[in-house]
N, C-alpha and C. Protein backbone atom coordinates (compact mmCIF):
# COMPACT_ATOMS: atom_id res chain seq x y z
N MET A 1 10.38 4.99 -10.52
CA MET A 1 9.36 5.21 -9.51
C MET A 1 10.01 5.39 -8.14
N ARG A 2 9.67 6.49 -7.49
CA ARG A 2 10.18 6.74 -6.14
C ARG A 2 9.14 6.31 -5.11
N VAL A 3 9.56 5.45 -4.21
CA VAL A 3 8.65 4.92 -3.20
C VAL A 3 9.15 5.29 -1.81
N MET A 4 8.27 5.88 -1.02
CA MET A 4 8.59 6.16 0.37
C MET A 4 7.99 5.04 1.21
N GLY A 5 8.85 4.28 1.86
CA GLY A 5 8.39 3.17 2.69
C GLY A 5 8.24 3.61 4.13
N VAL A 6 7.17 3.17 4.77
CA VAL A 6 6.90 3.57 6.15
C VAL A 6 6.60 2.35 7.01
N ASP A 7 7.44 2.16 8.03
CA ASP A 7 7.19 1.14 9.04
C ASP A 7 6.66 1.89 10.26
N PRO A 8 5.33 2.01 10.39
CA PRO A 8 4.75 2.90 11.39
C PRO A 8 4.98 2.46 12.83
N GLY A 9 5.08 3.44 13.70
CA GLY A 9 5.24 3.18 15.12
C GLY A 9 5.31 4.51 15.85
N LEU A 10 4.93 4.52 17.11
CA LEU A 10 4.96 5.76 17.88
C LEU A 10 6.36 6.05 18.43
N THR A 11 6.97 5.08 19.07
CA THR A 11 8.30 5.28 19.64
C THR A 11 9.36 5.35 18.56
N ARG A 12 9.27 4.44 17.58
CA ARG A 12 10.18 4.44 16.44
C ARG A 12 9.37 4.21 15.16
N CYS A 13 9.45 5.16 14.25
CA CYS A 13 8.74 5.05 12.96
C CYS A 13 9.77 5.06 11.85
N GLY A 14 9.95 3.91 11.20
CA GLY A 14 10.92 3.82 10.12
C GLY A 14 10.40 4.50 8.87
N ILE A 15 11.28 5.21 8.18
CA ILE A 15 10.88 5.92 6.97
C ILE A 15 12.03 5.84 5.97
N SER A 16 11.72 5.55 4.72
CA SER A 16 12.78 5.35 3.73
C SER A 16 12.35 5.85 2.36
N LEU A 17 13.32 6.00 1.50
CA LEU A 17 13.04 6.37 0.10
C LEU A 17 13.87 5.46 -0.80
N VAL A 18 13.20 4.78 -1.70
CA VAL A 18 13.85 3.86 -2.63
C VAL A 18 13.39 4.19 -4.04
N GLU A 19 14.30 4.08 -4.98
CA GLU A 19 13.95 4.31 -6.38
C GLU A 19 14.04 3.00 -7.14
N GLY A 20 12.94 2.64 -7.81
CA GLY A 20 12.92 1.42 -8.60
C GLY A 20 13.38 1.68 -10.01
N GLY A 21 14.19 0.77 -10.53
CA GLY A 21 14.69 0.91 -11.89
C GLY A 21 14.11 -0.15 -12.81
N ILE A 22 14.87 -0.54 -13.80
CA ILE A 22 14.41 -1.55 -14.76
C ILE A 22 14.42 -2.92 -14.09
N GLY A 23 13.37 -3.68 -14.32
CA GLY A 23 13.28 -5.00 -13.71
C GLY A 23 13.15 -4.90 -12.21
N ARG A 24 14.04 -5.60 -11.50
CA ARG A 24 13.99 -5.60 -10.04
C ARG A 24 15.09 -4.73 -9.42
N ALA A 25 15.69 -3.86 -10.23
CA ALA A 25 16.74 -2.98 -9.73
C ALA A 25 16.13 -1.93 -8.80
N VAL A 26 16.69 -1.80 -7.60
CA VAL A 26 16.24 -0.80 -6.63
C VAL A 26 17.45 -0.13 -5.99
N THR A 27 17.29 1.16 -5.71
CA THR A 27 18.38 1.93 -5.11
C THR A 27 17.87 2.68 -3.90
N ALA A 28 18.57 2.56 -2.79
CA ALA A 28 18.19 3.29 -1.57
C ALA A 28 18.68 4.72 -1.68
N LEU A 29 17.79 5.67 -1.47
CA LEU A 29 18.14 7.09 -1.53
C LEU A 29 18.27 7.72 -0.15
N ASP A 30 17.46 7.25 0.78
CA ASP A 30 17.51 7.82 2.13
C ASP A 30 16.76 6.90 3.09
N VAL A 31 17.12 6.97 4.35
CA VAL A 31 16.42 6.18 5.37
C VAL A 31 16.63 6.86 6.72
N ASP A 32 15.63 6.80 7.56
CA ASP A 32 15.71 7.43 8.88
C ASP A 32 14.70 6.76 9.80
N VAL A 33 14.79 7.06 11.07
CA VAL A 33 13.82 6.58 12.05
C VAL A 33 13.34 7.78 12.86
N ILE A 34 12.04 8.02 12.84
CA ILE A 34 11.44 9.11 13.61
C ILE A 34 11.19 8.59 15.02
N ARG A 35 11.71 9.29 16.00
CA ARG A 35 11.56 8.85 17.39
C ARG A 35 10.75 9.86 18.18
N THR A 36 9.84 9.36 19.02
CA THR A 36 9.10 10.23 19.92
C THR A 36 9.14 9.62 21.32
N PRO A 37 9.34 10.43 22.35
CA PRO A 37 9.44 9.90 23.71
C PRO A 37 8.10 9.41 24.24
N PRO A 38 8.10 8.26 24.90
CA PRO A 38 6.86 7.68 25.44
C PRO A 38 6.14 8.58 26.44
N GLU A 39 6.90 9.44 27.13
CA GLU A 39 6.27 10.29 28.14
C GLU A 39 5.52 11.48 27.52
N MET A 40 5.74 11.73 26.24
CA MET A 40 5.03 12.82 25.58
C MET A 40 3.58 12.42 25.31
N ASP A 41 2.66 13.39 25.33
CA ASP A 41 1.26 13.04 25.08
C ASP A 41 1.07 12.63 23.63
N LEU A 42 0.05 11.80 23.40
CA LEU A 42 -0.17 11.18 22.09
C LEU A 42 -0.28 12.20 20.96
N ALA A 43 -1.04 13.26 21.18
CA ALA A 43 -1.26 14.24 20.11
C ALA A 43 0.06 14.84 19.63
N HIS A 44 0.96 15.17 20.55
CA HIS A 44 2.23 15.78 20.16
C HIS A 44 3.19 14.76 19.56
N ARG A 45 3.06 13.51 19.96
CA ARG A 45 3.88 12.46 19.33
C ARG A 45 3.47 12.30 17.86
N LEU A 46 2.17 12.28 17.62
CA LEU A 46 1.67 12.17 16.24
C LEU A 46 2.04 13.41 15.43
N LEU A 47 2.00 14.57 16.08
CA LEU A 47 2.39 15.81 15.39
C LEU A 47 3.85 15.75 14.97
N GLY A 48 4.70 15.25 15.85
CA GLY A 48 6.12 15.14 15.53
C GLY A 48 6.36 14.22 14.34
N ILE A 49 5.67 13.09 14.34
CA ILE A 49 5.78 12.14 13.22
C ILE A 49 5.29 12.77 11.94
N SER A 50 4.16 13.47 12.02
CA SER A 50 3.57 14.11 10.86
C SER A 50 4.50 15.17 10.27
N GLU A 51 5.13 15.96 11.11
CA GLU A 51 6.00 17.04 10.62
C GLU A 51 7.20 16.49 9.87
N VAL A 52 7.81 15.44 10.41
CA VAL A 52 8.96 14.83 9.71
C VAL A 52 8.51 14.21 8.40
N ALA A 53 7.38 13.50 8.43
CA ALA A 53 6.86 12.86 7.21
C ALA A 53 6.55 13.90 6.14
N GLU A 54 5.95 15.02 6.55
CA GLU A 54 5.62 16.08 5.60
C GLU A 54 6.89 16.68 4.99
N TYR A 55 7.93 16.82 5.80
CA TYR A 55 9.21 17.32 5.29
C TYR A 55 9.75 16.36 4.22
N TRP A 56 9.69 15.07 4.51
CA TRP A 56 10.15 14.07 3.55
C TRP A 56 9.32 14.13 2.26
N LEU A 57 8.01 14.22 2.41
CA LEU A 57 7.14 14.26 1.23
C LEU A 57 7.43 15.48 0.36
N ASP A 58 7.65 16.61 0.99
CA ASP A 58 7.90 17.85 0.24
C ASP A 58 9.31 17.90 -0.33
N THR A 59 10.26 17.27 0.36
CA THR A 59 11.65 17.29 -0.09
C THR A 59 11.93 16.23 -1.16
N HIS A 60 11.49 15.00 -0.89
CA HIS A 60 11.81 13.88 -1.79
C HIS A 60 10.78 13.69 -2.90
N LYS A 61 9.58 14.18 -2.69
CA LYS A 61 8.50 14.07 -3.68
C LYS A 61 8.35 12.65 -4.24
N PRO A 62 8.00 11.69 -3.39
CA PRO A 62 7.82 10.30 -3.86
C PRO A 62 6.59 10.18 -4.76
N ASP A 63 6.61 9.16 -5.61
CA ASP A 63 5.45 8.89 -6.46
C ASP A 63 4.36 8.16 -5.69
N VAL A 64 4.78 7.40 -4.70
CA VAL A 64 3.84 6.60 -3.91
C VAL A 64 4.41 6.38 -2.51
N VAL A 65 3.52 6.24 -1.54
CA VAL A 65 3.93 5.94 -0.17
C VAL A 65 3.43 4.54 0.17
N ALA A 66 4.34 3.68 0.60
CA ALA A 66 3.99 2.30 0.96
C ALA A 66 4.04 2.18 2.48
N VAL A 67 2.90 1.85 3.08
CA VAL A 67 2.78 1.77 4.52
C VAL A 67 2.45 0.33 4.94
N GLU A 68 3.05 -0.11 6.04
CA GLU A 68 2.73 -1.45 6.52
C GLU A 68 1.30 -1.47 7.07
N ARG A 69 0.52 -2.44 6.62
CA ARG A 69 -0.85 -2.58 7.12
C ARG A 69 -0.80 -3.19 8.52
N VAL A 70 -1.49 -2.53 9.44
CA VAL A 70 -1.45 -2.96 10.84
C VAL A 70 -2.51 -4.02 11.09
N PHE A 71 -2.09 -5.13 11.69
CA PHE A 71 -3.02 -6.17 12.09
C PHE A 71 -3.13 -6.18 13.60
N SER A 72 -4.18 -6.79 14.10
CA SER A 72 -4.37 -6.86 15.55
C SER A 72 -3.20 -7.61 16.18
N GLN A 73 -2.73 -7.07 17.27
CA GLN A 73 -1.63 -7.69 18.00
C GLN A 73 -2.10 -8.03 19.40
N HIS A 74 -1.26 -8.75 20.13
CA HIS A 74 -1.62 -9.09 21.51
C HIS A 74 -1.76 -7.82 22.35
N ASN A 75 -0.91 -6.84 22.05
CA ASN A 75 -0.97 -5.57 22.76
C ASN A 75 -1.81 -4.59 21.95
N VAL A 76 -3.06 -4.43 22.33
CA VAL A 76 -3.99 -3.58 21.58
C VAL A 76 -3.52 -2.14 21.57
N ARG A 77 -2.97 -1.68 22.69
CA ARG A 77 -2.51 -0.30 22.77
C ARG A 77 -1.39 -0.03 21.77
N THR A 78 -0.47 -0.98 21.64
CA THR A 78 0.61 -0.84 20.68
C THR A 78 0.08 -0.82 19.25
N ALA A 79 -0.88 -1.70 18.96
CA ALA A 79 -1.47 -1.77 17.62
C ALA A 79 -2.17 -0.46 17.28
N MET A 80 -2.87 0.12 18.24
CA MET A 80 -3.57 1.39 18.00
C MET A 80 -2.58 2.51 17.71
N GLY A 81 -1.51 2.56 18.49
CA GLY A 81 -0.49 3.59 18.28
C GLY A 81 0.16 3.45 16.92
N THR A 82 0.45 2.22 16.54
CA THR A 82 1.06 1.94 15.24
C THR A 82 0.14 2.39 14.11
N ALA A 83 -1.14 2.07 14.23
CA ALA A 83 -2.11 2.46 13.21
C ALA A 83 -2.24 3.98 13.12
N GLN A 84 -2.22 4.65 14.27
CA GLN A 84 -2.35 6.10 14.28
C GLN A 84 -1.14 6.76 13.62
N ALA A 85 0.05 6.23 13.87
CA ALA A 85 1.26 6.78 13.26
C ALA A 85 1.21 6.62 11.74
N GLY A 86 0.78 5.43 11.29
CA GLY A 86 0.65 5.21 9.85
C GLY A 86 -0.42 6.09 9.24
N GLY A 87 -1.48 6.33 10.03
CA GLY A 87 -2.59 7.13 9.53
C GLY A 87 -2.22 8.57 9.26
N VAL A 88 -1.44 9.19 10.16
CA VAL A 88 -1.09 10.60 9.94
C VAL A 88 -0.19 10.76 8.72
N ILE A 89 0.67 9.76 8.46
CA ILE A 89 1.53 9.83 7.28
C ILE A 89 0.72 9.61 6.00
N ALA A 90 -0.22 8.66 6.05
CA ALA A 90 -1.09 8.42 4.90
C ALA A 90 -1.91 9.67 4.59
N LEU A 91 -2.38 10.34 5.63
CA LEU A 91 -3.17 11.56 5.44
C LEU A 91 -2.32 12.66 4.81
N ALA A 92 -1.09 12.82 5.30
CA ALA A 92 -0.20 13.84 4.75
C ALA A 92 0.06 13.59 3.26
N ALA A 93 0.23 12.32 2.89
CA ALA A 93 0.46 11.97 1.49
C ALA A 93 -0.79 12.25 0.65
N ALA A 94 -1.95 11.84 1.17
CA ALA A 94 -3.21 12.04 0.44
C ALA A 94 -3.47 13.52 0.19
N LYS A 95 -3.14 14.37 1.15
CA LYS A 95 -3.35 15.81 0.99
C LYS A 95 -2.51 16.37 -0.16
N ARG A 96 -1.41 15.70 -0.45
CA ARG A 96 -0.52 16.15 -1.53
C ARG A 96 -0.80 15.42 -2.84
N GLY A 97 -1.83 14.61 -2.85
CA GLY A 97 -2.19 13.89 -4.06
C GLY A 97 -1.27 12.72 -4.37
N ILE A 98 -0.56 12.24 -3.34
CA ILE A 98 0.37 11.12 -3.54
C ILE A 98 -0.34 9.82 -3.20
N GLU A 99 -0.21 8.85 -4.07
CA GLU A 99 -0.86 7.55 -3.86
C GLU A 99 -0.31 6.86 -2.61
N VAL A 100 -1.19 6.22 -1.87
CA VAL A 100 -0.80 5.47 -0.68
C VAL A 100 -1.23 4.02 -0.84
N CYS A 101 -0.29 3.10 -0.64
CA CYS A 101 -0.60 1.67 -0.72
C CYS A 101 -0.19 0.99 0.58
N PHE A 102 -0.96 0.00 0.97
CA PHE A 102 -0.70 -0.72 2.21
C PHE A 102 -0.30 -2.16 1.89
N HIS A 103 0.71 -2.64 2.59
CA HIS A 103 1.18 -4.02 2.40
C HIS A 103 1.24 -4.70 3.76
N THR A 104 0.83 -5.94 3.80
CA THR A 104 0.86 -6.70 5.05
C THR A 104 2.30 -7.11 5.37
N PRO A 105 2.59 -7.37 6.63
CA PRO A 105 3.95 -7.82 7.00
C PRO A 105 4.37 -9.07 6.23
N SER A 106 3.45 -10.01 6.05
CA SER A 106 3.80 -11.25 5.34
C SER A 106 4.09 -10.98 3.86
N GLU A 107 3.39 -10.02 3.26
CA GLU A 107 3.67 -9.67 1.86
C GLU A 107 5.07 -9.07 1.73
N VAL A 108 5.42 -8.23 2.68
CA VAL A 108 6.74 -7.60 2.65
C VAL A 108 7.84 -8.65 2.85
N LYS A 109 7.65 -9.51 3.83
CA LYS A 109 8.65 -10.56 4.10
C LYS A 109 8.80 -11.49 2.90
N ALA A 110 7.67 -11.88 2.30
CA ALA A 110 7.72 -12.78 1.14
C ALA A 110 8.41 -12.11 -0.04
N ALA A 111 8.19 -10.82 -0.21
CA ALA A 111 8.78 -10.10 -1.34
C ALA A 111 10.30 -10.05 -1.24
N VAL A 112 10.83 -9.76 -0.06
CA VAL A 112 12.28 -9.56 0.06
C VAL A 112 13.06 -10.81 0.44
N THR A 113 12.38 -11.78 1.07
CA THR A 113 13.10 -13.00 1.49
C THR A 113 12.58 -14.27 0.83
N GLY A 114 11.36 -14.22 0.28
CA GLY A 114 10.76 -15.42 -0.28
C GLY A 114 10.02 -16.23 0.76
N ASN A 115 10.01 -15.75 2.00
CA ASN A 115 9.36 -16.44 3.11
C ASN A 115 8.49 -15.45 3.88
N GLY A 116 7.19 -15.66 3.84
CA GLY A 116 6.26 -14.76 4.52
C GLY A 116 6.35 -14.79 6.02
N ARG A 117 7.13 -15.73 6.57
CA ARG A 117 7.29 -15.82 8.03
C ARG A 117 8.73 -15.54 8.47
N ALA A 118 9.48 -14.90 7.63
CA ALA A 118 10.88 -14.60 7.95
C ALA A 118 10.98 -13.70 9.18
N ASP A 119 12.07 -13.85 9.92
CA ASP A 119 12.25 -12.99 11.09
C ASP A 119 12.97 -11.70 10.69
N LYS A 120 13.10 -10.78 11.66
CA LYS A 120 13.67 -9.46 11.37
C LYS A 120 15.12 -9.56 10.89
N ALA A 121 15.86 -10.52 11.43
CA ALA A 121 17.25 -10.68 11.03
C ALA A 121 17.36 -11.06 9.55
N GLN A 122 16.47 -11.96 9.10
CA GLN A 122 16.47 -12.37 7.69
C GLN A 122 16.09 -11.22 6.78
N VAL A 123 15.08 -10.43 7.21
CA VAL A 123 14.64 -9.27 6.42
C VAL A 123 15.78 -8.28 6.29
N THR A 124 16.45 -7.98 7.41
CA THR A 124 17.55 -7.02 7.40
C THR A 124 18.69 -7.50 6.49
N MET A 125 19.01 -8.79 6.57
CA MET A 125 20.08 -9.35 5.75
C MET A 125 19.76 -9.21 4.26
N MET A 126 18.52 -9.53 3.87
CA MET A 126 18.15 -9.47 2.46
C MET A 126 18.04 -8.04 1.96
N VAL A 127 17.56 -7.14 2.81
CA VAL A 127 17.49 -5.73 2.42
C VAL A 127 18.90 -5.20 2.15
N THR A 128 19.84 -5.56 3.02
CA THR A 128 21.23 -5.14 2.86
C THR A 128 21.80 -5.68 1.55
N LYS A 129 21.48 -6.92 1.24
CA LYS A 129 21.99 -7.55 0.02
C LYS A 129 21.34 -6.96 -1.23
N ILE A 130 20.02 -6.82 -1.20
CA ILE A 130 19.28 -6.31 -2.37
C ILE A 130 19.73 -4.90 -2.74
N LEU A 131 19.93 -4.06 -1.73
CA LEU A 131 20.29 -2.67 -1.97
C LEU A 131 21.80 -2.47 -2.11
N GLY A 132 22.57 -3.53 -1.88
CA GLY A 132 24.02 -3.43 -2.00
C GLY A 132 24.63 -2.48 -0.99
N LEU A 133 24.11 -2.51 0.23
CA LEU A 133 24.60 -1.61 1.28
C LEU A 133 25.88 -2.16 1.92
N GLN A 134 26.75 -1.26 2.35
CA GLN A 134 27.98 -1.68 3.01
C GLN A 134 27.71 -2.21 4.41
N GLU A 135 26.72 -1.62 5.06
CA GLU A 135 26.35 -2.04 6.41
C GLU A 135 24.85 -2.26 6.49
N ALA A 136 24.44 -3.12 7.40
CA ALA A 136 23.02 -3.37 7.60
C ALA A 136 22.36 -2.14 8.22
N PRO A 137 21.20 -1.74 7.71
CA PRO A 137 20.51 -0.58 8.28
C PRO A 137 20.03 -0.87 9.70
N LYS A 138 20.27 0.08 10.60
CA LYS A 138 19.86 -0.08 11.99
C LYS A 138 19.14 1.18 12.44
N PRO A 139 18.16 1.04 13.34
CA PRO A 139 17.65 -0.21 13.93
C PRO A 139 16.78 -0.97 12.93
N ALA A 140 16.11 -2.02 13.41
CA ALA A 140 15.30 -2.86 12.53
C ALA A 140 14.19 -2.08 11.85
N ASP A 141 13.73 -1.00 12.48
CA ASP A 141 12.66 -0.19 11.89
C ASP A 141 13.11 0.43 10.56
N ALA A 142 14.39 0.79 10.47
CA ALA A 142 14.93 1.34 9.23
C ALA A 142 14.94 0.28 8.14
N ALA A 143 15.38 -0.93 8.50
CA ALA A 143 15.40 -2.04 7.54
C ALA A 143 13.99 -2.39 7.08
N ASP A 144 13.04 -2.36 8.01
CA ASP A 144 11.65 -2.66 7.66
C ASP A 144 11.07 -1.61 6.71
N ALA A 145 11.42 -0.34 6.94
CA ALA A 145 10.94 0.72 6.05
C ALA A 145 11.49 0.54 4.65
N LEU A 146 12.75 0.16 4.55
CA LEU A 146 13.36 -0.11 3.24
C LEU A 146 12.70 -1.33 2.59
N ALA A 147 12.42 -2.34 3.40
CA ALA A 147 11.77 -3.55 2.88
C ALA A 147 10.39 -3.22 2.31
N LEU A 148 9.66 -2.33 2.97
CA LEU A 148 8.35 -1.94 2.47
C LEU A 148 8.46 -1.26 1.11
N ALA A 149 9.43 -0.37 0.97
CA ALA A 149 9.62 0.32 -0.31
C ALA A 149 10.02 -0.66 -1.41
N ILE A 150 10.92 -1.59 -1.08
CA ILE A 150 11.33 -2.61 -2.05
C ILE A 150 10.13 -3.46 -2.45
N CYS A 151 9.35 -3.87 -1.46
CA CYS A 151 8.16 -4.68 -1.71
C CYS A 151 7.23 -4.00 -2.70
N HIS A 152 7.02 -2.71 -2.50
CA HIS A 152 6.09 -2.02 -3.41
C HIS A 152 6.68 -1.91 -4.81
N CYS A 153 7.96 -1.62 -4.91
CA CYS A 153 8.61 -1.54 -6.23
C CYS A 153 8.41 -2.83 -7.01
N TRP A 154 8.51 -3.95 -6.32
CA TRP A 154 8.41 -5.24 -6.99
C TRP A 154 6.97 -5.70 -7.18
N ARG A 155 6.08 -5.30 -6.29
CA ARG A 155 4.68 -5.72 -6.39
C ARG A 155 3.82 -4.79 -7.24
N ALA A 156 4.27 -3.56 -7.42
CA ALA A 156 3.47 -2.56 -8.13
C ALA A 156 3.04 -3.01 -9.53
N PRO A 157 3.94 -3.57 -10.37
CA PRO A 157 3.52 -4.01 -11.70
C PRO A 157 2.42 -5.07 -11.63
N MET A 158 2.57 -6.02 -10.69
CA MET A 158 1.56 -7.07 -10.55
C MET A 158 0.24 -6.48 -10.08
N MET A 159 0.32 -5.54 -9.12
CA MET A 159 -0.90 -4.90 -8.61
C MET A 159 -1.61 -4.13 -9.72
N LYS A 160 -0.82 -3.49 -10.58
CA LYS A 160 -1.40 -2.74 -11.70
C LYS A 160 -2.11 -3.67 -12.66
N ARG A 161 -1.46 -4.81 -12.99
CA ARG A 161 -2.08 -5.78 -13.90
C ARG A 161 -3.37 -6.34 -13.31
N MET A 162 -3.35 -6.62 -12.00
CA MET A 162 -4.55 -7.15 -11.34
C MET A 162 -5.68 -6.12 -11.36
N ALA A 163 -5.34 -4.85 -11.12
CA ALA A 163 -6.36 -3.80 -11.13
C ALA A 163 -6.95 -3.64 -12.52
N GLU A 164 -6.09 -3.72 -13.54
CA GLU A 164 -6.56 -3.61 -14.93
C GLU A 164 -7.45 -4.79 -15.29
N ALA A 165 -7.07 -6.00 -14.84
CA ALA A 165 -7.87 -7.19 -15.11
C ALA A 165 -9.23 -7.09 -14.42
N GLU A 166 -9.23 -6.61 -13.19
CA GLU A 166 -10.50 -6.45 -12.46
C GLU A 166 -11.39 -5.41 -13.14
N ALA A 167 -10.77 -4.34 -13.64
CA ALA A 167 -11.54 -3.29 -14.33
C ALA A 167 -12.16 -3.84 -15.61
N ARG A 168 -11.38 -4.65 -16.35
CA ARG A 168 -11.91 -5.24 -17.58
C ARG A 168 -13.04 -6.22 -17.27
N ALA A 169 -12.87 -7.00 -16.21
CA ALA A 169 -13.92 -7.96 -15.82
C ALA A 169 -15.20 -7.23 -15.42
N ALA A 170 -15.04 -6.13 -14.68
CA ALA A 170 -16.21 -5.35 -14.27
C ALA A 170 -16.91 -4.74 -15.47
N GLU A 171 -16.11 -4.30 -16.45
CA GLU A 171 -16.68 -3.71 -17.66
C GLU A 171 -17.45 -4.76 -18.47
N GLN A 172 -16.86 -5.95 -18.58
CA GLN A 172 -17.53 -7.02 -19.31
C GLN A 172 -18.83 -7.44 -18.62
N GLN A 173 -18.78 -7.49 -17.29
CA GLN A 173 -19.98 -7.85 -16.53
C GLN A 173 -21.08 -6.81 -16.73
N GLN A 174 -20.69 -5.53 -16.77
CA GLN A 174 -21.66 -4.46 -16.97
C GLN A 174 -22.29 -4.56 -18.36
N LYS A 175 -21.44 -4.85 -19.36
CA LYS A 175 -21.95 -5.00 -20.73
C LYS A 175 -22.91 -6.18 -20.82
N TYR A 176 -22.57 -7.28 -20.13
CA TYR A 176 -23.42 -8.48 -20.14
C TYR A 176 -24.78 -8.17 -19.51
N LYS A 177 -24.76 -7.48 -18.38
CA LYS A 177 -26.02 -7.12 -17.70
C LYS A 177 -26.87 -6.21 -18.58
N LEU A 178 -26.22 -5.28 -19.27
CA LEU A 178 -26.94 -4.36 -20.15
C LEU A 178 -27.58 -5.11 -21.32
N ARG A 179 -26.78 -6.02 -21.92
CA ARG A 179 -27.30 -6.81 -23.04
C ARG A 179 -28.46 -7.70 -22.60
N LEU A 180 -28.32 -8.30 -21.40
CA LEU A 180 -29.37 -9.16 -20.86
C LEU A 180 -30.64 -8.37 -20.62
N ALA A 181 -30.50 -7.16 -20.10
CA ALA A 181 -31.67 -6.31 -19.84
C ALA A 181 -32.35 -5.93 -21.15
N GLN A 182 -31.57 -5.65 -22.18
CA GLN A 182 -32.12 -5.29 -23.49
C GLN A 182 -32.88 -6.48 -24.09
N GLU A 183 -32.30 -7.68 -23.95
CA GLU A 183 -32.95 -8.88 -24.48
C GLU A 183 -34.27 -9.16 -23.75
N ARG A 184 -34.28 -8.93 -22.45
CA ARG A 184 -35.51 -9.13 -21.67
C ARG A 184 -36.59 -8.14 -22.07
N ARG A 185 -36.17 -6.90 -22.31
CA ARG A 185 -37.15 -5.89 -22.74
C ARG A 185 -37.71 -6.22 -24.12
N ALA A 186 -36.82 -6.69 -25.01
CA ALA A 186 -37.26 -7.06 -26.35
C ALA A 186 -38.23 -8.24 -26.29
N LEU A 187 -37.92 -9.23 -25.43
CA LEU A 187 -38.79 -10.40 -25.28
C LEU A 187 -40.14 -10.00 -24.70
N ALA A 188 -40.11 -9.10 -23.73
CA ALA A 188 -41.36 -8.64 -23.13
C ALA A 188 -42.20 -7.90 -24.15
N ALA A 189 -41.56 -7.12 -25.01
CA ALA A 189 -42.28 -6.37 -26.03
C ALA A 189 -42.93 -7.32 -27.04
N LYS A 190 -42.20 -8.40 -27.40
CA LYS A 190 -42.76 -9.39 -28.33
C LYS A 190 -43.97 -10.09 -27.73
N LYS A 191 -43.87 -10.45 -26.44
CA LYS A 191 -44.99 -11.11 -25.78
C LYS A 191 -46.20 -10.20 -25.72
N SER A 192 -45.94 -8.94 -25.42
CA SER A 192 -47.04 -7.98 -25.34
C SER A 192 -47.71 -7.81 -26.69
N ALA A 193 -46.89 -7.74 -27.75
CA ALA A 193 -47.44 -7.59 -29.10
C ALA A 193 -48.25 -8.82 -29.50
N ALA A 194 -47.74 -10.02 -29.13
CA ALA A 194 -48.43 -11.27 -29.46
C ALA A 194 -49.78 -11.35 -28.74
N GLN A 195 -49.81 -10.90 -27.47
CA GLN A 195 -51.05 -10.93 -26.72
C GLN A 195 -52.08 -9.99 -27.31
N LYS A 196 -51.63 -8.81 -27.75
CA LYS A 196 -52.54 -7.84 -28.36
C LYS A 196 -53.10 -8.40 -29.67
N ALA A 197 -52.26 -9.12 -30.40
CA ALA A 197 -52.70 -9.68 -31.69
C ALA A 197 -53.77 -10.76 -31.49
N THR A 198 -53.65 -11.54 -30.40
CA THR A 198 -54.63 -12.62 -30.18
C THR A 198 -55.98 -12.10 -29.71
N VAL A 199 -56.02 -10.95 -29.05
CA VAL A 199 -57.30 -10.40 -28.56
C VAL A 199 -57.94 -9.46 -29.57
N THR A 200 -57.22 -9.08 -30.60
CA THR A 200 -57.77 -8.17 -31.62
C THR A 200 -58.73 -8.95 -32.52
N PRO A 201 -59.99 -8.47 -32.68
CA PRO A 201 -61.00 -9.19 -33.50
C PRO A 201 -60.61 -9.15 -34.98
């Protein structure tokens, strides 16, 4: 499974490609950071991010794109820009029929370090170790993008099992409701027949 990891951002947007193997084996195939100047207007910054992302999607052909889910931050403007950057990449993937999954920062940190509150240095160290890299990926946005891809590779089987379990539960619930409705109709029919029998001379 090829996973494109995206650490969204306007000034620096981390983007990576990781291939998952048997078990927890993962291999880094590519990593980069898309940069846009703060003085450029928002629309053209998003366009620049979109163009690079589309090139990656068409060149690497990932099976899935893993994007960091944006939560509210103290700086609302920064949070909005981050969400917009992630949104244009998610849209580009969706247009190509590529699955898009979102992971929270704590899920990513827990997946690669075992600690949902790990700092960037810990994440970078573990990403370097997991992927067997000679040097730590820089800047931190590159390491975060790799961490997102690793997180999805490792969480995907569990997510699939959970989705299948939820689908089975929903199917069983639907069958139960159908059977209950049939039993109620049958009971109502019996009552109606019994009432007709008592009033018949």
